[in-house]
C-alpha atoms as a PDB file:
ATOM      1  CA  MET A   1      94.139  87.711  92.025  1.00  0.00           C
ATOM      2  CA  SER A   2      97.202  87.232  94.512  1.00  0.00           C
ATOM      3  CA  HIS A   3      96.058  90.090  97.281  1.00  0.00           C
ATOM      4  CA  ARG A   4      98.405  93.689  96.409  1.00  0.00           C
ATOM      5  CA  LEU A   5     101.318  93.430  99.080  1.00  0.00           C
ATOM      6  CA  VAL A   6     103.701  97.345  99.323  1.00  0.00           C
ATOM      7  CA  VAL A   7     106.462  95.830 102.548  1.00  0.00           C
ATOM      8  CA  LEU A   8     108.317  98.890 103.660  1.00  0.00           C
ATOM      9  CA  ILE A   9     111.641  98.319 106.117  1.00  0.00           C
ATOM     10  CA  SER A  10     113.743 100.017 107.534  1.00  0.00           C
ATOM     11  CA  GLY A  11     116.777  96.825 107.916  1.00  0.00           C
ATOM     12  CA  SER A  12     117.340  92.977 107.839  1.00  0.00           C
ATOM     13  CA  GLY A  13     113.784  91.999 106.657  1.00  0.00           C
ATOM     14  CA  THR A  14     113.349  89.279 108.657  1.00  0.00           C
ATOM     15  CA  ASN A  15     109.958  89.317 108.770  1.00  0.00           C
ATOM     16  CA  LEU A  16     109.513  90.402 105.326  1.00  0.00           C
ATOM     17  CA  GLN A  17     111.258  87.182 104.313  1.00  0.00           C
ATOM     18  CA  ALA A  18     108.937  84.619 106.056  1.00  0.00           C
ATOM     19  CA  ILE A  19     106.316  86.699 103.932  1.00  0.00           C
ATOM     20  CA  LEU A  20     108.486  85.764 100.954  1.00  0.00           C
ATOM     21  CA  ASP A  21     108.377  82.274 102.079  1.00  0.00           C
ATOM     22  CA  ALA A  22     104.969  81.659 102.849  1.00  0.00           C
ATOM     23  CA  ILE A  23     103.890  82.543  99.217  1.00  0.00           C
ATOM     24  CA  GLN A  24     106.365  80.691  97.854  1.00  0.00           C
ATOM     25  CA  ASP A  25     105.871  78.418  99.854  1.00  0.00           C
ATOM     26  CA  GLY A  26     101.349  78.336  98.939  1.00  0.00           C
ATOM     27  CA  GLN A  27     100.147  79.106 102.318  1.00  0.00           C
ATOM     28  CA  LEU A  28     100.030  82.824 100.879  1.00  0.00           C
ATOM     29  CA  ASN A  29      97.431  83.838  98.524  1.00  0.00           C
ATOM     30  CA  ALA A  30      99.181  87.703  97.857  1.00  0.00           C
ATOM     31  CA  SER A  31     102.639  88.908  96.174  1.00  0.00           C
ATOM     32  CA  VAL A  32     104.565  91.936  97.030  1.00  0.00           C
ATOM     33  CA  ALA A  33     104.825  94.588  94.116  1.00  0.00           C
ATOM     34  CA  LEU A  34     107.265  96.640  96.395  1.00  0.00           C
ATOM     35  CA  VAL A  35     109.601  97.241  99.454  1.00  0.00           C
ATOM     36  CA  LEU A  36     110.888 100.546 100.264  1.00  0.00           C
ATOM     37  CA  SER A  37     113.284 101.255 102.111  1.00  0.00           C
ATOM     38  CA  ASN A  38     113.668 104.320 104.011  1.00  0.00           C
ATOM     39  CA  LYS A  39     117.675 103.127 105.002  1.00  0.00           C
ATOM     40  CA  ALA A  40     120.103 102.313 101.531  1.00  0.00           C
ATOM     41  CA  GLY A  41     122.400  98.575 101.138  1.00  0.00           C
ATOM     42  CA  VAL A  42     120.088  97.006 104.414  1.00  0.00           C
ATOM     43  CA  ALA A  43     119.980  92.832 104.040  1.00  0.00           C
ATOM     44  CA  GLY A  44     116.124  93.667 103.572  1.00  0.00           C
ATOM     45  CA  LEU A  45     116.470  95.156  99.580  1.00  0.00           C
ATOM     46  CA  ASP A  46     118.522  92.047  99.086  1.00  0.00           C
ATOM     47  CA  ARG A  47     115.876  89.861  99.400  1.00  0.00           C
ATOM     48  CA  ALA A  48     113.987  91.413  97.173  1.00  0.00           C
ATOM     49  CA  HIS A  49     116.566  91.999  94.585  1.00  0.00           C
ATOM     50  CA  ALA A  50     117.234  88.138  95.191  1.00  0.00           C
ATOM     51  CA  ALA A  51     112.867  87.304  95.010  1.00  0.00           C
ATOM     52  CA  GLY A  52     113.137  90.049  91.950  1.00  0.00           C
ATOM     53  CA  ILE A  53     110.290  92.233  92.638  1.00  0.00           C
ATOM     54  CA  PRO A  54     111.137  96.171  92.495  1.00  0.00           C
ATOM     55  CA  THR A  55     112.229  98.044  96.045  1.00  0.00           C
ATOM     56  CA  ALA A  56     113.271 101.539  96.383  1.00  0.00           C
ATOM     57  CA  VAL A  57     114.860 103.752  98.753  1.00  0.00           C
ATOM     58  CA  ILE A  58     113.589 106.432  99.781  1.00  0.00           C
ATOM     59  CA  GLU A  59     116.361 108.141 103.117  1.00  0.00           C
ATOM     60  CA  HIS A  60     113.788 110.264 105.364  1.00  0.00           C
ATOM     61  CA  LYS A  61     117.082 112.314 106.342  1.00  0.00           C
ATOM     62  CA  ARG A  62     116.676 114.350 102.750  1.00  0.00           C
ATOM     63  CA  PHE A  63     113.660 115.877 103.358  1.00  0.00           C
ATOM     64  CA  PRO A  64     112.335 118.577 105.870  1.00  0.00           C
ATOM     65  CA  ASP A  65     110.596 117.295 107.809  1.00  0.00           C
ATOM     66  CA  ARG A  66     108.157 114.081 107.975  1.00  0.00           C
ATOM     67  CA  GLU A  67     105.725 114.474 105.663  1.00  0.00           C
ATOM     68  CA  GLN A  68     107.262 115.705 102.942  1.00  0.00           C
ATOM     69  CA  PHE A  69     109.178 112.293 103.740  1.00  0.00           C
ATOM     70  CA  ASP A  70     105.860 110.610 103.359  1.00  0.00           C
ATOM     71  CA  ARG A  71     104.517 112.183 100.351  1.00  0.00           C
ATOM     72  CA  ALA A  72     107.498 111.109  98.473  1.00  0.00           C
ATOM     73  CA  MET A  73     106.795 108.143  99.992  1.00  0.00           C
ATOM     74  CA  ILE A  74     103.106 107.224  98.813  1.00  0.00           C
ATOM     75  CA  GLU A  75     104.139 108.847  95.218  1.00  0.00           C
ATOM     76  CA  ALA A  76     106.214 105.932  95.568  1.00  0.00           C
ATOM     77  CA  ILE A  77     103.394 103.696  96.631  1.00  0.00           C
ATOM     78  CA  ASP A  78     100.816 104.084  94.785  1.00  0.00           C
ATOM     79  CA  PRO A  79     100.666 102.840  91.352  1.00  0.00           C
ATOM     80  CA  TYR A  80     101.251  99.452  92.793  1.00  0.00           C
ATOM     81  CA  ASP A  81      97.896 100.022  94.237  1.00  0.00           C
ATOM     82  CA  PRO A  82      98.237  98.152  96.969  1.00  0.00           C
ATOM     83  CA  GLU A  83      95.692  96.293  98.820  1.00  0.00           C
ATOM     84  CA  THR A  84      97.275  96.211 102.080  1.00  0.00           C
ATOM     85  CA  VAL A  85     100.553  98.151 103.320  1.00  0.00           C
ATOM     86  CA  VAL A  86     102.611  96.151 105.428  1.00  0.00           C
ATOM     87  CA  LEU A  87     105.135  97.822 108.117  1.00  0.00           C
ATOM     88  CA  ALA A  88     108.001  94.863 108.477  1.00  0.00           C
ATOM     89  CA  GLY A  89     110.692  96.821 110.642  1.00  0.00           C
ATOM     90  CA  PHE A  90     109.522  99.975 109.702  1.00  0.00           C
ATOM     91  CA  MET A  91     111.594 102.571 111.984  1.00  0.00           C
ATOM     92  CA  ARG A  92     109.935 105.846 111.349  1.00  0.00           C
ATOM     93  CA  ILE A  93     106.992 107.293 112.690  1.00  0.00           C
ATOM     94  CA  LEU A  94     104.137 108.316 110.337  1.00  0.00           C
ATOM     95  CA  SER A  95     102.470 111.154 110.395  1.00  0.00           C
ATOM     96  CA  ASP A  96      99.030 111.863 109.932  1.00  0.00           C
ATOM     97  CA  VAL A  97      99.254 112.055 106.089  1.00  0.00           C
ATOM     98  CA  PHE A  98     100.532 108.686 105.259  1.00  0.00           C
ATOM     99  CA  VAL A  99      98.089 106.770 107.619  1.00  0.00           C
ATOM    100  CA  HIS A 100      94.895 109.283 106.424  1.00  0.00           C
ATOM    101  CA  HIS A 101      96.098 108.560 103.479  1.00  0.00           C
ATOM    102  CA  TYR A 102      96.552 103.999 103.864  1.00  0.00           C
ATOM    103  CA  ARG A 103      93.740 103.681 106.319  1.00  0.00           C
ATOM    104  CA  GLY A 104      92.625 100.233 106.181  1.00  0.00           C
ATOM    105  CA  LYS A 105      95.285  99.639 104.451  1.00  0.00           C
ATOM    106  CA  LEU A 106      98.015  99.835 106.994  1.00  0.00           C
ATOM    107  CA  ILE A 107      98.939  97.879 108.994  1.00  0.00           C
ATOM    108  CA  ASN A 108     102.477  96.972 111.801  1.00  0.00           C
ATOM    109  CA  ILE A 109     103.909  94.361 113.840  1.00  0.00           C
ATOM    110  CA  HIS A 110     104.925  95.505 117.295  1.00  0.00           C
ATOM    111  CA  PRO A 111     107.117  92.765 119.111  1.00  0.00           C
ATOM    112  CA  SER A 112     105.030  92.626 123.037  1.00  0.00           C
ATOM    113  CA  LEU A 113     101.110  92.488 123.123  1.00  0.00           C
ATOM    114  CA  LEU A 114      99.849  95.007 123.061  1.00  0.00           C
ATOM    115  CA  PRO A 115      97.915  97.674 124.918  1.00  0.00           C
ATOM    116  CA  ARG A 116     100.863  96.669 126.599  1.00  0.00           C
ATOM    117  CA  TYR A 117     104.525  98.458 126.365  1.00  0.00           C
ATOM    118  CA  PRO A 118     104.094 100.364 122.814  1.00  0.00           C
ATOM    119  CA  GLY A 119     107.395 101.905 121.855  1.00  0.00           C
ATOM    120  CA  LEU A 120     111.042 100.735 122.177  1.00  0.00           C
ATOM    121  CA  HIS A 121     112.683  97.935 125.008  1.00  0.00           C
ATOM    122  CA  THR A 122     109.579  95.643 124.446  1.00  0.00           C
ATOM    123  CA  HIS A 123     111.639  92.562 126.003  1.00  0.00           C
ATOM    124  CA  GLN A 124     112.918  94.012 128.852  1.00  0.00           C
ATOM    125  CA  ARG A 125     110.127  96.154 130.108  1.00  0.00           C
ATOM    126  CA  ALA A 126     108.177  92.611 130.627  1.00  0.00           C
ATOM    127  CA  ILE A 127     110.950  90.630 132.110  1.00  0.00           C
ATOM    128  CA  ASP A 128     111.369  93.738 134.765  1.00  0.00           C
ATOM    129  CA  ALA A 129     108.081  93.985 135.466  1.00  0.00           C
ATOM    130  CA  GLY A 130     108.040  90.081 136.452  1.00  0.00           C
ATOM    131  CA  ASP A 131     105.323  89.446 133.249  1.00  0.00           C
ATOM    132  CA  THR A 132     105.158  85.664 132.781  1.00  0.00           C
ATOM    133  CA  GLN A 133     103.271  86.192 128.979  1.00  0.00           C
ATOM    134  CA  HIS A 134     104.457  88.830 126.184  1.00  0.00           C
ATOM    135  CA  GLY A 135     104.516  87.785 122.129  1.00  0.00           C
ATOM    136  CA  CYS A 136     103.334  90.310 119.485  1.00  0.00           C
ATOM    137  CA  SER A 137     100.879  91.936 118.398  1.00  0.00           C
ATOM    138  CA  ILE A 138      99.376  93.173 114.645  1.00  0.00           C
ATOM    139  CA  HIS A 139      97.175  95.831 114.145  1.00  0.00           C
ATOM    140  CA  PHE A 140      95.912  98.334 111.927  1.00  0.00           C
ATOM    141  CA  VAL A 141      97.894 101.433 112.010  1.00  0.00           C
ATOM    142  CA  THR A 142      96.386 105.041 113.549  1.00  0.00           C
ATOM    143  CA  GLU A 143      97.328 108.191 113.894  1.00  0.00           C
ATOM    144  CA  GLU A 144      98.449 107.264 118.173  1.00  0.00           C
ATOM    145  CA  LEU A 145     101.597 105.306 117.897  1.00  0.00           C
ATOM    146  CA  ASP A 146     101.049 101.793 118.703  1.00  0.00           C
ATOM    147  CA  GLY A 147      98.366 101.962 119.414  1.00  0.00           C
ATOM    148  CA  GLY A 148      95.618 100.627 116.990  1.00  0.00           C
ATOM    149  CA  PRO A 149      93.356  98.733 116.821  1.00  0.00           C
ATOM    150  CA  VAL A 150      94.907  94.804 117.152  1.00  0.00           C
ATOM    151  CA  ILE A 151      93.650  92.103 114.363  1.00  0.00           C
ATOM    152  CA  ALA A 152      95.854  89.637 116.148  1.00  0.00           C
ATOM    153  CA  GLN A 153      98.035  88.434 119.038  1.00  0.00           C
ATOM    154  CA  ALA A 154     100.901  85.226 119.688  1.00  0.00           C
ATOM    155  CA  VAL A 155     101.754  85.165 123.359  1.00  0.00           C
ATOM    156  CA  VAL A 156     105.324  83.349 123.934  1.00  0.00           C
ATOM    157  CA  PRO A 157     106.282  82.582 127.735  1.00  0.00           C
ATOM    158  CA  ILE A 158     108.729  84.300 129.645  1.00  0.00           C
ATOM    159  CA  ARG A 159     110.735  81.541 131.339  1.00  0.00           C
ATOM    160  CA  SER A 160     112.517  82.712 134.806  1.00  0.00           C
ATOM    161  CA  ASN A 161     116.039  82.704 133.050  1.00  0.00           C
ATOM    162  CA  ASP A 162     114.746  84.681 130.199  1.00  0.00           C
ATOM    163  CA  THR A 163     116.912  87.807 129.165  1.00  0.00           C
ATOM    164  CA  ALA A 164     115.779  90.304 126.597  1.00  0.00           C
ATOM    165  CA  GLU A 165     117.851  88.698 123.384  1.00  0.00           C
ATOM    166  CA  THR A 166     116.326  84.740 123.943  1.00  0.00           C
ATOM    167  CA  LEU A 167     112.653  86.133 124.548  1.00  0.00           C
ATOM    168  CA  SER A 168     113.647  88.593 121.708  1.00  0.00           C
ATOM    169  CA  LYS A 169     114.451  85.477 119.637  1.00  0.00           C
ATOM    170  CA  ARG A 170     110.621  83.488 120.310  1.00  0.00           C
ATOM    171  CA  VAL A 171     109.214  86.745 120.355  1.00  0.00           C
ATOM    172  CA  GLN A 172     110.472  86.828 116.823  1.00  0.00           C
ATOM    173  CA  LEU A 173     109.901  83.103 116.119  1.00  0.00           C
ATOM    174  CA  ARG A 174     105.623  84.066 117.018  1.00  0.00           C
ATOM    175  CA  GLU A 175     106.332  86.570 114.107  1.00  0.00           C
ATOM    176  CA  HIS A 176     107.056  85.293 111.295  1.00  0.00           C
ATOM    177  CA  ALA A 177     104.348  81.977 111.897  1.00  0.00           C
ATOM    178  CA  LEU A 178     101.806  85.008 112.251  1.00  0.00           C
ATOM    179  CA  TYR A 179     102.315  88.199 109.806  1.00  0.00           C
ATOM    180  CA  PRO A 180     101.879  85.260 107.002  1.00  0.00           C
ATOM    181  CA  LEU A 181      98.838  84.154 108.748  1.00  0.00           C
ATOM    182  CA  VAL A 182      96.586  87.814 109.446  1.00  0.00           C
ATOM    183  CA  LEU A 183      98.038  88.326 105.253  1.00  0.00           C
ATOM    184  CA  ASN A 184      95.561  85.678 104.701  1.00  0.00           C
ATOM    185  CA  TRP A 185      93.310  86.929 105.645  1.00  0.00           C
ATOM    186  CA  ARG A 186      93.077  90.143 104.416  1.00  0.00           C
ATOM    187  CA  ALA A 187      94.185  88.088 101.429  1.00  0.00           C
ATOM    188  CA  ALA A 188      90.819  86.349 101.997  1.00  0.00           C
ATOM    189  CA  GLY A 189      88.762  89.605 102.841  1.00  0.00           C
ATOM    190  CA  HIS A 190      88.371  88.479 106.404  1.00  0.00           C
ATOM    191  CA  VAL A 191      89.517  91.337 108.708  1.00  0.00           C
ATOM    192  CA  GLU A 192      88.340  94.769 107.889  1.00  0.00           C
ATOM    193  CA  LEU A 193      89.376  97.560 110.086  1.00  0.00           C
ATOM    194  CA  HIS A 194      85.528  99.256 110.933  1.00  0.00           C
ATOM    195  CA  GLN A 195      84.361 102.738 113.141  1.00  0.00           C
ATOM    196  CA  ASP A 196      83.847 100.305 115.449  1.00  0.00           C
ATOM    197  CA  GLY A 197      86.945  97.963 115.740  1.00  0.00           C
ATOM    198  CA  VAL A 198      88.611  95.589 113.839  1.00  0.00           C
ATOM    199  CA  LYS A 199      86.255  93.054 112.835  1.00  0.00           C
ATOM    200  CA  LEU A 200      87.264  88.906 111.550  1.00  0.00           C
ATOM    201  CA  HIS A 201      84.928  86.614 109.364  1.00  0.00           C
ATOM    202  CA  GLY A 202      82.324  89.747 110.644  1.00  0.00           C
ATOM    203  CA  GLU A 203      83.075  89.405 114.271  1.00  0.00           C
ATOM    204  CA  THR A 204      84.563  92.312 116.407  1.00  0.00           C
ATOM    205  CA  LEU A 205      86.852  91.651 118.907  1.00  0.00           C
ATOM    206  CA  GLY A 206      88.155  93.091 121.494  1.00  0.00           C
ATOM    207  CA  ILE A 207      90.493  94.871 122.697  1.00  0.00           C
ATOM    208  CA  GLN A 208      93.880  92.818 121.824  1.00  0.00           C
ATOM    209  CA  GLY A 209      92.195  90.915 119.069  1.00  0.00           C
ATOM    210  CA  HIS A 210      92.283  87.395 118.445  1.00  0.00           C
ATOM    211  CA  GLN A 211      95.049  85.466 120.838  1.00  0.00           C
ATOM    212  CA  LEU A 212      97.009  82.240 119.488  1.00  0.00           C
ATOM    213  CA  GLU A 213      98.982  80.612 121.783  1.00  0.00           C
ATOM    214  CA  TRP A 214     101.258  77.967 120.116  1.00  0.00           C
ATOM    215  CA  GLN A 215     103.460  75.951 121.866  1.00  0.00           C
ATOM    216  CA  ASP A 216     107.131  77.288 123.178  1.00  0.00           C
END
């Protein structure tokens, strides 16, 4: 049996496509049961349609508050009984109700080496700080924004002539490799959230998770 995923998006869905490609190529033993977007008409929905995957659009603007929106998402997601709920460019802060409901199953990708640079504009912030390294992190989601325990990071060197745009493009390439890898660990039962942190292959990881460096 393949590992059941539900993927949440808000835009172009490039990480969704990387996951779908890895499944298609036999590199990821998983299936995407549903793609849910909080915006209609985004390219990520087209990617799901092309792959024959069910989609749902739940527009957050139609709800009076964050919690009611999140409860509507739960109602849409739960019939698919996902083993992992994947945030792939989902640009909404989740309520405690949603986070508690999927605790230990909810993961997100963030374009920085957490705990550095939670929030937005991470590439420019790393350049402005004079950092020599940047990258992306995949973490379990908790109530703290971009603050959940890190599973893995991909490290990208910052070049002297980098702009936020050039750095973003190179980090995104690493995102597309890292997400399928981590989801493979999930599918094999190798990575879990425990009270004392993330365990990978039975070993508790440090604050920055499992770090990988690919040739740039």
